[in-house]
Amino acid sequence: MKELMREIEACNICWQGLPLGPNPVLQVSPKSKIIIVGQAPGIRVHQSGIPWNDPSGDNLRNWLNVSSEEFYNPDIFGIIPMGFCYPGTGKSGDLPPRKECARTWHKKLFKQIESPELVLLVGKYAIQYYLKTKENLTETVKNFAQEDSIYFPLPHPSPRNNIWQKKNPWFKTRVIPNLQEKIREFI
């Protein structure tokens, strides 16, 4: 795992397309029990080098009902975004994660993890990549949250998605308690 992480830290596959240059932000250990596959670091995370170190991360930790100490323990939580570096800003927020990261590194990383118990797919890019579903995000989250699967799809916890949460109150009453119960099984 150490050698693989050194390779990732030195990665420059897509450096020409990154507005702030490469700065892979991830956290993983061979013992990681819960893997969080998110989108890509935002500018604040890129600058700090700490995954989910922003309001979206605050929301995610609240959904999971975990402390920062638990969240940033790589033996508990592995954090493997779809894109490891900040992709830049588009018309309505950050650009999508670069596709090179998942294609190049995800299988290699997952092979190094001894026995992941739960994989949280956060946002549409992770959900589409891993589940290959044709359902929209809302239906996918609603349906999978009740299934006995290693995968657990979630909407992105960005404060921009507060409107989605208000339109889908079942998320807080059914999905979040189910998620928190699963998380406690593995911590």
C-alpha atoms as a PDB file:
ATOM      1  CA  MET A   1       0.000   0.000   0.000  1.00  0.00           C
ATOM      2  CA  LYS A   2       2.821   2.446   0.797  1.00  0.00           C
ATOM      3  CA  GLU A   3       4.342   1.982  -2.636  1.00  0.00           C
ATOM      4  CA  LEU A   4       0.953   2.450  -4.316  1.00  0.00           C
ATOM      5  CA  MET A   5       0.302   5.624  -2.323  1.00  0.00           C
ATOM      6  CA  ARG A   6       3.722   6.980  -3.411  1.00  0.00           C
ATOM      7  CA  GLU A   7       2.768   6.283  -7.025  1.00  0.00           C
ATOM      8  CA  ILE A   8      -0.532   8.120  -6.567  1.00  0.00           C
ATOM      9  CA  GLU A   9       1.162  11.079  -4.881  1.00  0.00           C
ATOM     10  CA  ALA A  10       3.529  11.339  -7.859  1.00  0.00           C
ATOM     11  CA  CYS A  11       0.740  10.900 -10.425  1.00  0.00           C
ATOM     12  CA  ASN A  12       0.639  13.450 -13.226  1.00  0.00           C
ATOM     13  CA  ILE A  13      -1.611  11.649 -15.722  1.00  0.00           C
ATOM     14  CA  CYS A  14      -3.924  14.617 -16.125  1.00  0.00           C
ATOM     15  CA  TRP A  15      -1.817  17.455 -14.739  1.00  0.00           C
ATOM     16  CA  GLN A  16      -2.276  19.640 -17.830  1.00  0.00           C
ATOM     17  CA  GLY A  17      -6.046  19.737 -17.272  1.00  0.00           C
ATOM     18  CA  LEU A  18      -5.876  20.712 -13.601  1.00  0.00           C
ATOM     19  CA  PRO A  19      -6.158  24.446 -12.887  1.00  0.00           C
ATOM     20  CA  LEU A  20      -4.208  24.200  -9.608  1.00  0.00           C
ATOM     21  CA  GLY A  21      -1.953  21.310 -10.581  1.00  0.00           C
ATOM     22  CA  PRO A  22      -1.943  17.825  -9.098  1.00  0.00           C
ATOM     23  CA  ASN A  23      -2.487  17.326  -5.376  1.00  0.00           C
ATOM     24  CA  PRO A  24      -4.068  13.901  -4.846  1.00  0.00           C
ATOM     25  CA  VAL A  25      -6.241  13.917  -1.723  1.00  0.00           C
ATOM     26  CA  LEU A  26      -7.220  10.514  -0.337  1.00  0.00           C
ATOM     27  CA  GLN A  27      -6.935   8.428   2.806  1.00  0.00           C
ATOM     28  CA  VAL A  28      -6.723   4.666   2.873  1.00  0.00           C
ATOM     29  CA  SER A  29      -5.186   1.806   4.806  1.00  0.00           C
ATOM     30  CA  PRO A  30      -5.071  -1.946   4.169  1.00  0.00           C
ATOM     31  CA  LYS A  31      -7.354  -2.220   7.223  1.00  0.00           C
ATOM     32  CA  SER A  32      -9.991   0.325   6.096  1.00  0.00           C
ATOM     33  CA  LYS A  33     -13.405  -1.115   6.963  1.00  0.00           C
ATOM     34  CA  ILE A  34     -15.619   1.525   5.391  1.00  0.00           C
ATOM     35  CA  ILE A  35     -14.693   3.055   2.048  1.00  0.00           C
ATOM     36  CA  ILE A  36     -16.079   6.414   1.015  1.00  0.00           C
ATOM     37  CA  VAL A  37     -16.035   6.927  -2.741  1.00  0.00           C
ATOM     38  CA  GLY A  38     -16.855  10.578  -3.309  1.00  0.00           C
ATOM     39  CA  GLN A  39     -16.493  12.911  -6.265  1.00  0.00           C
ATOM     40  CA  ALA A  40     -13.321  15.029  -6.193  1.00  0.00           C
ATOM     41  CA  PRO A  41     -11.775  17.485  -3.774  1.00  0.00           C
ATOM     42  CA  GLY A  42     -13.102  21.013  -3.791  1.00  0.00           C
ATOM     43  CA  ILE A  43     -10.767  23.965  -3.662  1.00  0.00           C
ATOM     44  CA  ARG A  44     -10.703  24.061   0.176  1.00  0.00           C
ATOM     45  CA  VAL A  45      -9.811  20.382   0.348  1.00  0.00           C
ATOM     46  CA  HIS A  46      -7.194  20.814  -2.385  1.00  0.00           C
ATOM     47  CA  GLN A  47      -5.578  23.624  -0.399  1.00  0.00           C
ATOM     48  CA  SER A  48      -5.649  21.806   2.959  1.00  0.00           C
ATOM     49  CA  GLY A  49      -4.888  18.318   1.641  1.00  0.00           C
ATOM     50  CA  ILE A  50      -7.451  16.932   4.109  1.00  0.00           C
ATOM     51  CA  PRO A  51     -10.346  14.969   2.557  1.00  0.00           C
ATOM     52  CA  TRP A  52     -13.859  16.248   3.250  1.00  0.00           C
ATOM     53  CA  ASN A  53     -12.458  19.258   5.137  1.00  0.00           C
ATOM     54  CA  ASP A  54     -15.341  21.538   4.145  1.00  0.00           C
ATOM     55  CA  PRO A  55     -19.082  22.033   4.772  1.00  0.00           C
ATOM     56  CA  SER A  56     -19.883  18.923   2.693  1.00  0.00           C
ATOM     57  CA  GLY A  57     -17.599  16.912   4.976  1.00  0.00           C
ATOM     58  CA  ASP A  58     -19.339  18.355   8.046  1.00  0.00           C
ATOM     59  CA  ASN A  59     -22.677  17.205   6.619  1.00  0.00           C
ATOM     60  CA  LEU A  60     -21.299  13.768   5.753  1.00  0.00           C
ATOM     61  CA  ARG A  61     -19.894  13.241   9.272  1.00  0.00           C
ATOM     62  CA  ASN A  62     -23.295  14.277  10.669  1.00  0.00           C
ATOM     63  CA  TRP A  63     -25.059  11.774   8.413  1.00  0.00           C
ATOM     64  CA  LEU A  64     -22.650   9.061   9.551  1.00  0.00           C
ATOM     65  CA  ASN A  65     -22.853  10.183  13.192  1.00  0.00           C
ATOM     66  CA  VAL A  66     -19.087   9.902  13.623  1.00  0.00           C
ATOM     67  CA  SER A  67     -16.480  12.105  15.240  1.00  0.00           C
ATOM     68  CA  SER A  68     -13.628  13.679  13.294  1.00  0.00           C
ATOM     69  CA  GLU A  69     -11.266  11.286  15.085  1.00  0.00           C
ATOM     70  CA  GLU A  70     -13.226   8.288  13.803  1.00  0.00           C
ATOM     71  CA  PHE A  71     -13.653   9.756  10.327  1.00  0.00           C
ATOM     72  CA  TYR A  72      -9.970  10.528   9.876  1.00  0.00           C
ATOM     73  CA  ASN A  73      -8.800   7.136  11.139  1.00  0.00           C
ATOM     74  CA  PRO A  74      -7.785   5.331   7.916  1.00  0.00           C
ATOM     75  CA  ASP A  75      -8.192   1.933   9.584  1.00  0.00           C
ATOM     76  CA  ILE A  76     -11.898   2.759   9.896  1.00  0.00           C
ATOM     77  CA  PHE A  77     -12.583   5.021   6.894  1.00  0.00           C
ATOM     78  CA  GLY A  78     -10.806   4.804   3.574  1.00  0.00           C
ATOM     79  CA  ILE A  79     -11.509   7.832   1.414  1.00  0.00           C
ATOM     80  CA  ILE A  80     -11.062   7.197  -2.294  1.00  0.00           C
ATOM     81  CA  PRO A  81     -12.623   9.890  -4.493  1.00  0.00           C
ATOM     82  CA  MET A  82     -13.485   9.343  -8.140  1.00  0.00           C
ATOM     83  CA  GLY A  83     -10.992  12.098  -8.956  1.00  0.00           C
ATOM     84  CA  PHE A  84      -8.099  12.664  -6.568  1.00  0.00           C
ATOM     85  CA  CYS A  85      -7.363  16.276  -7.526  1.00  0.00           C
ATOM     86  CA  TYR A  86      -9.402  19.468  -7.733  1.00  0.00           C
ATOM     87  CA  PRO A  87     -10.885  19.523 -11.272  1.00  0.00           C
ATOM     88  CA  GLY A  88     -11.697  23.242 -11.460  1.00  0.00           C
ATOM     89  CA  THR A  89     -14.913  25.229 -11.514  1.00  0.00           C
ATOM     90  CA  GLY A  90     -17.674  25.156 -14.102  1.00  0.00           C
ATOM     91  CA  LYS A  91     -20.888  27.143 -14.591  1.00  0.00           C
ATOM     92  CA  SER A  92     -22.763  25.587 -11.662  1.00  0.00           C
ATOM     93  CA  GLY A  93     -20.014  24.497  -9.277  1.00  0.00           C
ATOM     94  CA  ASP A  94     -16.975  22.280  -9.486  1.00  0.00           C
ATOM     95  CA  LEU A  95     -16.335  20.361 -12.681  1.00  0.00           C
ATOM     96  CA  PRO A  96     -16.893  16.590 -12.702  1.00  0.00           C
ATOM     97  CA  PRO A  97     -14.058  14.427 -11.387  1.00  0.00           C
ATOM     98  CA  ARG A  98     -11.410  13.483 -13.911  1.00  0.00           C
ATOM     99  CA  LYS A  99     -12.052   9.964 -15.215  1.00  0.00           C
ATOM    100  CA  GLU A 100      -8.403   8.944 -15.265  1.00  0.00           C
ATOM    101  CA  CYS A 101      -8.188   8.457 -11.486  1.00  0.00           C
ATOM    102  CA  ALA A 102     -10.870   5.817 -11.091  1.00  0.00           C
ATOM    103  CA  ARG A 103      -9.754   3.934 -14.206  1.00  0.00           C
ATOM    104  CA  THR A 104      -6.094   4.004 -13.188  1.00  0.00           C
ATOM    105  CA  TRP A 105      -6.151   3.613  -9.408  1.00  0.00           C
ATOM    106  CA  HIS A 106      -9.406   2.286  -7.925  1.00  0.00           C
ATOM    107  CA  LYS A 107      -8.907  -1.437  -8.635  1.00  0.00           C
ATOM    108  CA  LYS A 108      -5.321  -1.251  -7.419  1.00  0.00           C
ATOM    109  CA  LEU A 109      -6.411   0.437  -4.189  1.00  0.00           C
ATOM    110  CA  PHE A 110      -9.275  -1.970  -3.529  1.00  0.00           C
ATOM    111  CA  LYS A 111      -6.909  -4.935  -4.031  1.00  0.00           C
ATOM    112  CA  GLN A 112      -4.761  -3.577  -1.201  1.00  0.00           C
ATOM    113  CA  ILE A 113      -7.655  -3.339   1.269  1.00  0.00           C
ATOM    114  CA  GLU A 114      -7.953  -6.546   3.276  1.00  0.00           C
ATOM    115  CA  SER A 115     -11.699  -6.717   3.804  1.00  0.00           C
ATOM    116  CA  PRO A 116     -13.840  -3.653   3.216  1.00  0.00           C
ATOM    117  CA  GLU A 117     -17.205  -4.111   4.899  1.00  0.00           C
ATOM    118  CA  LEU A 118     -19.111  -1.182   3.419  1.00  0.00           C
ATOM    119  CA  VAL A 119     -18.601   1.095   0.408  1.00  0.00           C
ATOM    120  CA  LEU A 120     -20.394   4.431   0.546  1.00  0.00           C
ATOM    121  CA  LEU A 121     -20.977   5.789  -2.948  1.00  0.00           C
ATOM    122  CA  VAL A 122     -21.362   9.523  -2.481  1.00  0.00           C
ATOM    123  CA  GLY A 123     -22.839  11.405  -5.418  1.00  0.00           C
ATOM    124  CA  LYS A 124     -23.865  10.495  -8.927  1.00  0.00           C
ATOM    125  CA  TYR A 125     -20.373   9.925 -10.344  1.00  0.00           C
ATOM    126  CA  ALA A 126     -19.496   7.228  -7.790  1.00  0.00           C
ATOM    127  CA  ILE A 127     -22.960   5.685  -8.049  1.00  0.00           C
ATOM    128  CA  GLN A 128     -22.865   5.509 -11.846  1.00  0.00           C
ATOM    129  CA  TYR A 129     -19.319   4.125 -11.909  1.00  0.00           C
ATOM    130  CA  TYR A 130     -19.871   1.359  -9.367  1.00  0.00           C
ATOM    131  CA  LEU A 131     -23.540   0.451  -9.774  1.00  0.00           C
ATOM    132  CA  LYS A 132     -23.922   1.063 -13.520  1.00  0.00           C
ATOM    133  CA  THR A 133     -27.558   1.929 -12.783  1.00  0.00           C
ATOM    134  CA  LYS A 134     -29.920   3.646 -15.180  1.00  0.00           C
ATOM    135  CA  GLU A 135     -32.131   4.902 -12.338  1.00  0.00           C
ATOM    136  CA  ASN A 136     -31.828   8.495 -11.265  1.00  0.00           C
ATOM    137  CA  LEU A 137     -30.003   9.314  -8.038  1.00  0.00           C
ATOM    138  CA  THR A 138     -33.202   9.614  -5.993  1.00  0.00           C
ATOM    139  CA  GLU A 139     -34.499   6.175  -6.956  1.00  0.00           C
ATOM    140  CA  THR A 140     -31.087   4.584  -6.545  1.00  0.00           C
ATOM    141  CA  VAL A 141     -30.629   5.977  -3.035  1.00  0.00           C
ATOM    142  CA  LYS A 142     -34.186   5.022  -2.067  1.00  0.00           C
ATOM    143  CA  ASN A 143     -33.888   1.446  -3.362  1.00  0.00           C
ATOM    144  CA  PHE A 144     -30.344   0.506  -2.361  1.00  0.00           C
ATOM    145  CA  ALA A 145     -30.529   1.872   1.172  1.00  0.00           C
ATOM    146  CA  GLN A 146     -32.847  -0.977   2.071  1.00  0.00           C
ATOM    147  CA  GLU A 147     -30.836  -3.725   0.372  1.00  0.00           C
ATOM    148  CA  ASP A 148     -28.251  -5.981   1.926  1.00  0.00           C
ATOM    149  CA  SER A 149     -25.310  -4.874  -0.188  1.00  0.00           C
ATOM    150  CA  ILE A 150     -21.729  -3.807   0.413  1.00  0.00           C
ATOM    151  CA  TYR A 151     -22.642  -0.657  -1.542  1.00  0.00           C
ATOM    152  CA  PHE A 152     -24.604   2.168   0.044  1.00  0.00           C
ATOM    153  CA  PRO A 153     -25.384   5.043  -2.373  1.00  0.00           C
ATOM    154  CA  LEU A 154     -25.873   8.552  -1.023  1.00  0.00           C
ATOM    155  CA  PRO A 155     -26.513  11.965  -2.533  1.00  0.00           C
ATOM    156  CA  HIS A 156     -23.657  14.407  -2.282  1.00  0.00           C
ATOM    157  CA  PRO A 157     -23.755  16.080   1.162  1.00  0.00           C
ATOM    158  CA  SER A 158     -23.143  19.542  -0.286  1.00  0.00           C
ATOM    159  CA  PRO A 159     -25.244  22.289   1.289  1.00  0.00           C
ATOM    160  CA  ARG A 160     -26.459  22.856  -2.309  1.00  0.00           C
ATOM    161  CA  ASN A 161     -28.411  19.605  -1.934  1.00  0.00           C
ATOM    162  CA  ASN A 162     -30.547  20.868   0.963  1.00  0.00           C
ATOM    163  CA  ILE A 163     -33.385  21.394  -1.541  1.00  0.00           C
ATOM    164  CA  TRP A 164     -33.143  17.714  -2.577  1.00  0.00           C
ATOM    165  CA  GLN A 165     -33.322  16.668   1.071  1.00  0.00           C
ATOM    166  CA  LYS A 166     -36.418  18.803   1.653  1.00  0.00           C
ATOM    167  CA  LYS A 167     -38.106  17.230  -1.383  1.00  0.00           C
ATOM    168  CA  ASN A 168     -37.193  13.740  -0.132  1.00  0.00           C
ATOM    169  CA  PRO A 169     -37.913  13.633   3.624  1.00  0.00           C
ATOM    170  CA  TRP A 170     -37.617   9.810   3.596  1.00  0.00           C
ATOM    171  CA  PHE A 171     -33.860  10.318   3.286  1.00  0.00           C
ATOM    172  CA  LYS A 172     -33.552  11.626   6.857  1.00  0.00           C
ATOM    173  CA  THR A 173     -36.198   9.345   8.355  1.00  0.00           C
ATOM    174  CA  ARG A 174     -35.254   6.040   6.648  1.00  0.00           C
ATOM    175  CA  VAL A 175     -31.877   6.205   4.952  1.00  0.00           C
ATOM    176  CA  ILE A 176     -29.834   8.088   7.556  1.00  0.00           C
ATOM    177  CA  PRO A 177     -30.867   5.822  10.485  1.00  0.00           C
ATOM    178  CA  ASN A 178     -30.124   2.743   8.343  1.00  0.00           C
ATOM    179  CA  LEU A 179     -26.753   4.215   7.376  1.00  0.00           C
ATOM    180  CA  GLN A 180     -25.844   5.050  10.979  1.00  0.00           C
ATOM    181  CA  GLU A 181     -26.757   1.546  12.103  1.00  0.00           C
ATOM    182  CA  LYS A 182     -24.502   0.023   9.426  1.00  0.00           C
ATOM    183  CA  ILE A 183     -21.644   2.373  10.344  1.00  0.00           C
ATOM    184  CA  ARG A 184     -21.838   1.396  14.032  1.00  0.00           C
ATOM    185  CA  GLU A 185     -21.589  -2.287  13.093  1.00  0.00           C
ATOM    186  CA  PHE A 186     -18.104  -1.701  11.703  1.00  0.00           C
ATOM    187  CA  ILE A 187     -16.620   0.861  14.087  1.00  0.00           C
END
